[in-house]
Amino acid sequence: MERRPYQFLYKEGEDYIFMNQETFDQHPIAHDLINGVDFLLEGMVLEVVSDASTETVLYADMPIKVQMRITYTEPGLKGDTATNTLKPATVESGATVRVPLFINEGEMIEIDTRDGSYVSRVKG
């Protein structure tokens, strides 16, 4: 097995087109072979695992944590930081993440790509 960095270029039908960062060859990778695909953005670099003898892609792993901007969520409630209540928020990849009530549209958050959970608000 080989692990190599591949950069996501664009989506074509059901395949995602990636570029090998070492050879610059482009390879399609099927949607179901990408772990955390809901959080994939153009330009991201993933770790692609392939069979060394056949060069068949086995799977591609997103980074465990990614930072994304909230593109839509209901307005936050000031001072509501003590409860564990969550609300849905859409991030720039189009995925929906459950975030605390005090998170607002336009803010950057960190997401765990393994389960799609909110990790923290990104400062600055």
N, C-alpha and C. Protein backbone atom coordinates (compact mmCIF):
# COMPACT_ATOMS: atom_id res chain seq x y z
N MET A 1 0.83 -1.19 0.00
CA MET A 1 0.00 0.00 0.00
C MET A 1 0.87 1.25 0.00
N GLU A 2 0.40 2.26 -0.69
CA GLU A 2 1.10 3.54 -0.77
C GLU A 2 0.18 4.65 -0.29
N ARG A 3 0.75 5.60 0.45
CA ARG A 3 0.01 6.80 0.87
C ARG A 3 0.66 7.99 0.18
N ARG A 4 -0.16 8.74 -0.53
CA ARG A 4 0.37 9.90 -1.24
C ARG A 4 -0.61 11.08 -1.11
N PRO A 5 -0.05 12.31 -1.12
CA PRO A 5 -0.94 13.48 -1.07
C PRO A 5 -1.52 13.78 -2.46
N TYR A 6 -2.83 13.96 -2.49
CA TYR A 6 -3.53 14.32 -3.73
C TYR A 6 -4.36 15.57 -3.45
N GLN A 7 -4.37 16.49 -4.42
CA GLN A 7 -5.14 17.72 -4.28
C GLN A 7 -6.45 17.60 -5.05
N PHE A 8 -7.56 17.99 -4.39
CA PHE A 8 -8.86 17.95 -5.05
C PHE A 8 -8.98 19.12 -6.02
N LEU A 9 -9.31 18.80 -7.28
CA LEU A 9 -9.43 19.82 -8.32
C LEU A 9 -10.89 20.19 -8.59
N TYR A 10 -11.72 19.19 -8.92
CA TYR A 10 -13.12 19.47 -9.25
C TYR A 10 -13.92 18.17 -9.25
N LYS A 11 -15.25 18.32 -9.29
CA LYS A 11 -16.14 17.17 -9.33
C LYS A 11 -16.63 17.00 -10.76
N GLU A 12 -16.66 15.74 -11.22
CA GLU A 12 -17.13 15.44 -12.57
C GLU A 12 -18.10 14.27 -12.47
N GLY A 13 -19.40 14.54 -12.57
CA GLY A 13 -20.40 13.49 -12.39
C GLY A 13 -20.36 13.00 -10.96
N GLU A 14 -20.18 11.69 -10.78
CA GLU A 14 -20.10 11.11 -9.44
C GLU A 14 -18.65 10.98 -8.95
N ASP A 15 -17.70 11.31 -9.82
CA ASP A 15 -16.29 11.19 -9.46
C ASP A 15 -15.72 12.55 -9.04
N TYR A 16 -14.70 12.46 -8.22
CA TYR A 16 -13.95 13.64 -7.79
C TYR A 16 -12.57 13.53 -8.43
N ILE A 17 -12.14 14.59 -9.10
CA ILE A 17 -10.87 14.57 -9.82
C ILE A 17 -9.78 15.14 -8.91
N PHE A 18 -8.75 14.31 -8.69
CA PHE A 18 -7.63 14.68 -7.83
C PHE A 18 -6.35 14.69 -8.63
N MET A 19 -5.39 15.50 -8.17
CA MET A 19 -4.08 15.55 -8.81
C MET A 19 -3.03 15.02 -7.83
N ASN A 20 -2.23 14.07 -8.30
CA ASN A 20 -1.12 13.56 -7.52
C ASN A 20 -0.12 14.71 -7.33
N GLN A 21 0.23 15.03 -6.09
CA GLN A 21 1.10 16.16 -5.78
C GLN A 21 2.55 15.93 -6.18
N GLU A 22 2.90 14.67 -6.50
CA GLU A 22 4.28 14.36 -6.88
C GLU A 22 4.46 14.27 -8.39
N THR A 23 3.48 13.64 -9.07
CA THR A 23 3.60 13.44 -10.52
C THR A 23 2.74 14.40 -11.34
N PHE A 24 1.78 15.06 -10.68
CA PHE A 24 0.81 15.97 -11.30
C PHE A 24 -0.16 15.25 -12.22
N ASP A 25 -0.22 13.91 -12.15
CA ASP A 25 -1.22 13.15 -12.90
C ASP A 25 -2.58 13.35 -12.25
N GLN A 26 -3.64 13.37 -13.07
CA GLN A 26 -4.99 13.51 -12.54
C GLN A 26 -5.68 12.16 -12.49
N HIS A 27 -6.40 11.91 -11.38
CA HIS A 27 -7.08 10.64 -11.19
C HIS A 27 -8.49 10.87 -10.65
N PRO A 28 -9.49 10.17 -11.22
CA PRO A 28 -10.83 10.25 -10.65
C PRO A 28 -10.93 9.31 -9.44
N ILE A 29 -11.61 9.76 -8.39
CA ILE A 29 -11.85 8.92 -7.21
C ILE A 29 -13.34 8.96 -6.93
N ALA A 30 -13.93 7.79 -6.77
CA ALA A 30 -15.38 7.68 -6.55
C ALA A 30 -15.77 8.28 -5.20
N HIS A 31 -16.96 8.84 -5.16
CA HIS A 31 -17.54 9.47 -3.97
C HIS A 31 -17.45 8.59 -2.73
N ASP A 32 -17.79 7.30 -2.88
CA ASP A 32 -17.85 6.40 -1.72
C ASP A 32 -16.48 5.96 -1.21
N LEU A 33 -15.39 6.34 -1.89
CA LEU A 33 -14.04 6.00 -1.42
C LEU A 33 -13.40 7.13 -0.61
N ILE A 34 -14.12 8.27 -0.48
CA ILE A 34 -13.56 9.43 0.21
C ILE A 34 -14.22 9.56 1.59
N ASN A 35 -13.42 9.38 2.63
CA ASN A 35 -13.93 9.51 4.00
C ASN A 35 -14.06 10.99 4.34
N GLY A 36 -15.28 11.43 4.74
CA GLY A 36 -15.52 12.83 5.08
C GLY A 36 -15.77 13.71 3.88
N VAL A 37 -16.25 13.13 2.78
CA VAL A 37 -16.43 13.84 1.51
C VAL A 37 -17.36 15.06 1.62
N ASP A 38 -18.28 15.07 2.59
CA ASP A 38 -19.20 16.21 2.74
C ASP A 38 -18.47 17.51 3.05
N PHE A 39 -17.25 17.42 3.52
CA PHE A 39 -16.49 18.61 3.91
C PHE A 39 -15.35 18.92 2.93
N LEU A 40 -15.42 18.35 1.74
CA LEU A 40 -14.37 18.53 0.74
C LEU A 40 -14.56 19.85 0.00
N LEU A 41 -13.50 20.64 -0.06
CA LEU A 41 -13.49 21.89 -0.81
C LEU A 41 -12.39 21.85 -1.86
N GLU A 42 -12.61 22.57 -2.95
CA GLU A 42 -11.62 22.65 -4.02
C GLU A 42 -10.28 23.11 -3.46
N GLY A 43 -9.21 22.42 -3.85
CA GLY A 43 -7.87 22.78 -3.42
C GLY A 43 -7.37 22.03 -2.20
N MET A 44 -8.27 21.33 -1.49
CA MET A 44 -7.84 20.57 -0.31
C MET A 44 -6.92 19.42 -0.71
N VAL A 45 -5.97 19.11 0.17
CA VAL A 45 -5.06 18.00 -0.06
C VAL A 45 -5.45 16.86 0.87
N LEU A 46 -5.66 15.66 0.28
CA LEU A 46 -6.05 14.48 1.03
C LEU A 46 -4.97 13.43 0.94
N GLU A 47 -4.98 12.53 1.90
CA GLU A 47 -4.08 11.38 1.90
C GLU A 47 -4.80 10.27 1.14
N VAL A 48 -4.26 9.85 0.00
CA VAL A 48 -4.87 8.80 -0.82
C VAL A 48 -4.06 7.52 -0.65
N VAL A 49 -4.77 6.44 -0.31
CA VAL A 49 -4.14 5.15 -0.12
C VAL A 49 -4.47 4.28 -1.33
N SER A 50 -3.43 3.74 -1.96
CA SER A 50 -3.66 2.92 -3.14
C SER A 50 -2.81 1.65 -3.07
N ASP A 51 -3.22 0.66 -3.85
CA ASP A 51 -2.48 -0.60 -3.96
C ASP A 51 -1.25 -0.30 -4.80
N ALA A 52 -0.07 -0.54 -4.26
CA ALA A 52 1.19 -0.20 -4.94
C ALA A 52 1.38 -0.95 -6.25
N SER A 53 0.90 -2.20 -6.32
CA SER A 53 1.14 -2.99 -7.52
C SER A 53 0.19 -2.64 -8.66
N THR A 54 -1.06 -2.31 -8.35
CA THR A 54 -2.04 -2.03 -9.41
C THR A 54 -2.39 -0.54 -9.52
N GLU A 55 -1.93 0.25 -8.55
CA GLU A 55 -2.26 1.68 -8.48
C GLU A 55 -3.75 1.94 -8.35
N THR A 56 -4.50 0.95 -7.86
CA THR A 56 -5.93 1.10 -7.61
C THR A 56 -6.13 1.86 -6.31
N VAL A 57 -6.96 2.90 -6.35
CA VAL A 57 -7.23 3.68 -5.14
C VAL A 57 -8.11 2.86 -4.21
N LEU A 58 -7.69 2.70 -2.97
CA LEU A 58 -8.46 1.97 -1.97
C LEU A 58 -9.39 2.91 -1.20
N TYR A 59 -8.85 4.05 -0.78
CA TYR A 59 -9.66 5.08 -0.13
C TYR A 59 -8.85 6.37 -0.02
N ALA A 60 -9.56 7.45 0.31
CA ALA A 60 -8.93 8.76 0.51
C ALA A 60 -9.43 9.31 1.83
N ASP A 61 -8.51 9.81 2.64
CA ASP A 61 -8.86 10.35 3.95
C ASP A 61 -8.75 11.87 3.98
N MET A 62 -9.84 12.50 4.43
CA MET A 62 -9.82 13.94 4.69
C MET A 62 -8.96 14.17 5.93
N PRO A 63 -8.45 15.39 6.12
CA PRO A 63 -7.83 15.69 7.40
C PRO A 63 -8.88 15.47 8.50
N ILE A 64 -8.44 15.08 9.70
CA ILE A 64 -9.40 14.81 10.78
C ILE A 64 -10.20 16.05 11.14
N LYS A 65 -9.54 17.21 11.14
CA LYS A 65 -10.25 18.45 11.45
C LYS A 65 -10.05 19.45 10.32
N VAL A 66 -11.14 20.13 9.96
CA VAL A 66 -11.09 21.17 8.93
C VAL A 66 -11.76 22.43 9.47
N GLN A 67 -11.36 23.56 8.93
CA GLN A 67 -11.98 24.83 9.30
C GLN A 67 -12.84 25.29 8.14
N MET A 68 -14.09 25.68 8.46
CA MET A 68 -15.01 26.13 7.43
C MET A 68 -15.83 27.30 7.94
N ARG A 69 -16.25 28.12 6.99
CA ARG A 69 -17.09 29.28 7.31
C ARG A 69 -18.57 28.86 7.28
N ILE A 70 -19.32 29.41 8.23
CA ILE A 70 -20.77 29.18 8.27
C ILE A 70 -21.40 30.06 7.18
N THR A 71 -22.13 29.45 6.26
CA THR A 71 -22.77 30.23 5.19
C THR A 71 -24.23 30.54 5.53
N TYR A 72 -24.85 29.72 6.41
CA TYR A 72 -26.21 30.02 6.85
C TYR A 72 -26.51 29.35 8.19
N THR A 73 -27.11 30.12 9.08
CA THR A 73 -27.66 29.58 10.32
C THR A 73 -28.61 30.64 10.87
N GLU A 74 -29.51 30.22 11.72
CA GLU A 74 -30.41 31.16 12.37
C GLU A 74 -29.56 32.09 13.25
N PRO A 75 -30.02 33.32 13.49
CA PRO A 75 -29.25 34.25 14.33
C PRO A 75 -28.96 33.66 15.71
N GLY A 76 -27.78 34.00 16.25
CA GLY A 76 -27.38 33.52 17.56
C GLY A 76 -28.08 34.27 18.67
N LEU A 77 -28.02 33.71 19.86
CA LEU A 77 -28.62 34.34 21.02
C LEU A 77 -27.50 34.78 21.95
N LYS A 78 -27.42 36.07 22.21
CA LYS A 78 -26.38 36.60 23.10
C LYS A 78 -26.52 36.02 24.50
N GLY A 79 -25.41 35.67 25.08
CA GLY A 79 -25.41 35.18 26.45
C GLY A 79 -25.84 33.73 26.60
N ASP A 80 -26.20 33.08 25.50
CA ASP A 80 -26.67 31.69 25.58
C ASP A 80 -25.51 30.74 25.36
N THR A 81 -24.56 30.76 26.29
CA THR A 81 -23.39 29.89 26.17
C THR A 81 -23.40 28.77 27.19
N ALA A 82 -24.35 28.79 28.10
CA ALA A 82 -24.36 27.81 29.19
C ALA A 82 -25.08 26.52 28.83
N THR A 83 -25.95 26.56 27.83
CA THR A 83 -26.72 25.35 27.49
C THR A 83 -25.98 24.52 26.46
N ASN A 84 -26.37 23.27 26.36
CA ASN A 84 -25.78 22.38 25.36
C ASN A 84 -26.69 22.24 24.15
N THR A 85 -27.60 23.19 23.97
CA THR A 85 -28.52 23.15 22.84
C THR A 85 -27.78 23.47 21.54
N LEU A 86 -28.09 22.70 20.50
CA LEU A 86 -27.44 22.89 19.20
C LEU A 86 -28.47 23.28 18.15
N LYS A 87 -28.02 23.97 17.11
CA LYS A 87 -28.87 24.34 15.98
C LYS A 87 -28.15 23.96 14.70
N PRO A 88 -28.89 23.74 13.61
CA PRO A 88 -28.24 23.40 12.34
C PRO A 88 -27.58 24.63 11.71
N ALA A 89 -26.44 24.39 11.07
CA ALA A 89 -25.74 25.45 10.34
C ALA A 89 -25.17 24.84 9.07
N THR A 90 -25.24 25.58 7.98
CA THR A 90 -24.67 25.13 6.71
C THR A 90 -23.28 25.74 6.57
N VAL A 91 -22.31 24.91 6.19
CA VAL A 91 -20.94 25.39 5.98
C VAL A 91 -20.67 25.53 4.48
N GLU A 92 -19.53 26.10 4.14
CA GLU A 92 -19.23 26.44 2.75
C GLU A 92 -19.19 25.25 1.79
N SER A 93 -19.02 24.04 2.31
CA SER A 93 -19.04 22.86 1.43
C SER A 93 -20.47 22.42 1.12
N GLY A 94 -21.45 23.01 1.83
CA GLY A 94 -22.85 22.63 1.65
C GLY A 94 -23.34 21.66 2.70
N ALA A 95 -22.45 21.13 3.51
CA ALA A 95 -22.83 20.18 4.56
C ALA A 95 -23.50 20.93 5.72
N THR A 96 -24.33 20.20 6.47
CA THR A 96 -24.98 20.76 7.64
C THR A 96 -24.31 20.20 8.89
N VAL A 97 -24.00 21.11 9.81
CA VAL A 97 -23.33 20.76 11.07
C VAL A 97 -24.19 21.33 12.20
N ARG A 98 -24.27 20.62 13.32
CA ARG A 98 -24.99 21.12 14.48
C ARG A 98 -24.00 21.91 15.34
N VAL A 99 -24.35 23.19 15.59
CA VAL A 99 -23.45 24.10 16.31
C VAL A 99 -24.17 24.69 17.52
N PRO A 100 -23.41 25.21 18.50
CA PRO A 100 -24.04 25.88 19.65
C PRO A 100 -24.84 27.11 19.21
N LEU A 101 -25.79 27.53 20.03
CA LEU A 101 -26.68 28.65 19.70
C LEU A 101 -25.95 29.98 19.47
N PHE A 102 -24.77 30.18 20.09
CA PHE A 102 -24.08 31.46 19.99
C PHE A 102 -23.28 31.62 18.70
N ILE A 103 -23.19 30.59 17.87
CA ILE A 103 -22.46 30.66 16.59
C ILE A 103 -23.33 31.38 15.56
N ASN A 104 -22.72 32.30 14.81
CA ASN A 104 -23.45 33.09 13.83
C ASN A 104 -22.94 32.86 12.41
N GLU A 105 -23.77 33.25 11.45
CA GLU A 105 -23.41 33.19 10.04
C GLU A 105 -22.14 34.00 9.81
N GLY A 106 -21.23 33.48 8.98
CA GLY A 106 -19.98 34.17 8.66
C GLY A 106 -18.81 33.78 9.55
N GLU A 107 -19.09 33.10 10.67
CA GLU A 107 -18.01 32.70 11.57
C GLU A 107 -17.31 31.46 11.05
N MET A 108 -16.04 31.30 11.44
CA MET A 108 -15.26 30.10 11.10
C MET A 108 -15.37 29.13 12.26
N ILE A 109 -15.59 27.86 11.93
CA ILE A 109 -15.63 26.82 12.95
C ILE A 109 -14.72 25.68 12.55
N GLU A 110 -14.34 24.86 13.53
CA GLU A 110 -13.56 23.66 13.26
C GLU A 110 -14.50 22.48 13.36
N ILE A 111 -14.38 21.54 12.40
CA ILE A 111 -15.27 20.39 12.30
C ILE A 111 -14.45 19.11 12.28
N ASP A 112 -14.93 18.10 12.99
CA ASP A 112 -14.32 16.77 12.95
C ASP A 112 -14.93 16.05 11.75
N THR A 113 -14.12 15.74 10.73
CA THR A 113 -14.64 15.14 9.49
C THR A 113 -15.05 13.68 9.65
N ARG A 114 -14.62 13.04 10.74
CA ARG A 114 -14.98 11.63 10.94
C ARG A 114 -16.46 11.46 11.23
N ASP A 115 -17.05 12.42 11.98
CA ASP A 115 -18.46 12.29 12.32
C ASP A 115 -19.27 13.56 12.03
N GLY A 116 -18.62 14.58 11.49
CA GLY A 116 -19.31 15.82 11.14
C GLY A 116 -19.69 16.67 12.33
N SER A 117 -18.99 16.50 13.44
CA SER A 117 -19.34 17.24 14.64
C SER A 117 -18.57 18.55 14.77
N TYR A 118 -19.22 19.52 15.41
CA TYR A 118 -18.61 20.81 15.74
C TYR A 118 -17.53 20.59 16.79
N VAL A 119 -16.35 21.19 16.59
CA VAL A 119 -15.26 21.09 17.57
C VAL A 119 -15.13 22.40 18.34
N SER A 120 -14.97 23.52 17.60
CA SER A 120 -14.80 24.80 18.26
C SER A 120 -14.98 25.94 17.28
N ARG A 121 -15.08 27.14 17.84
CA ARG A 121 -15.11 28.37 17.05
C ARG A 121 -13.65 28.73 16.77
N VAL A 122 -13.35 29.21 15.57
CA VAL A 122 -11.99 29.60 15.21
C VAL A 122 -11.88 31.11 15.40
N LYS A 123 -10.96 31.53 16.23
CA LYS A 123 -10.76 32.96 16.52
C LYS A 123 -9.96 33.62 15.40
N GLY A 124 -10.26 34.91 15.19
CA GLY A 124 -9.46 35.72 14.27
C GLY A 124 -9.84 35.49 12.88
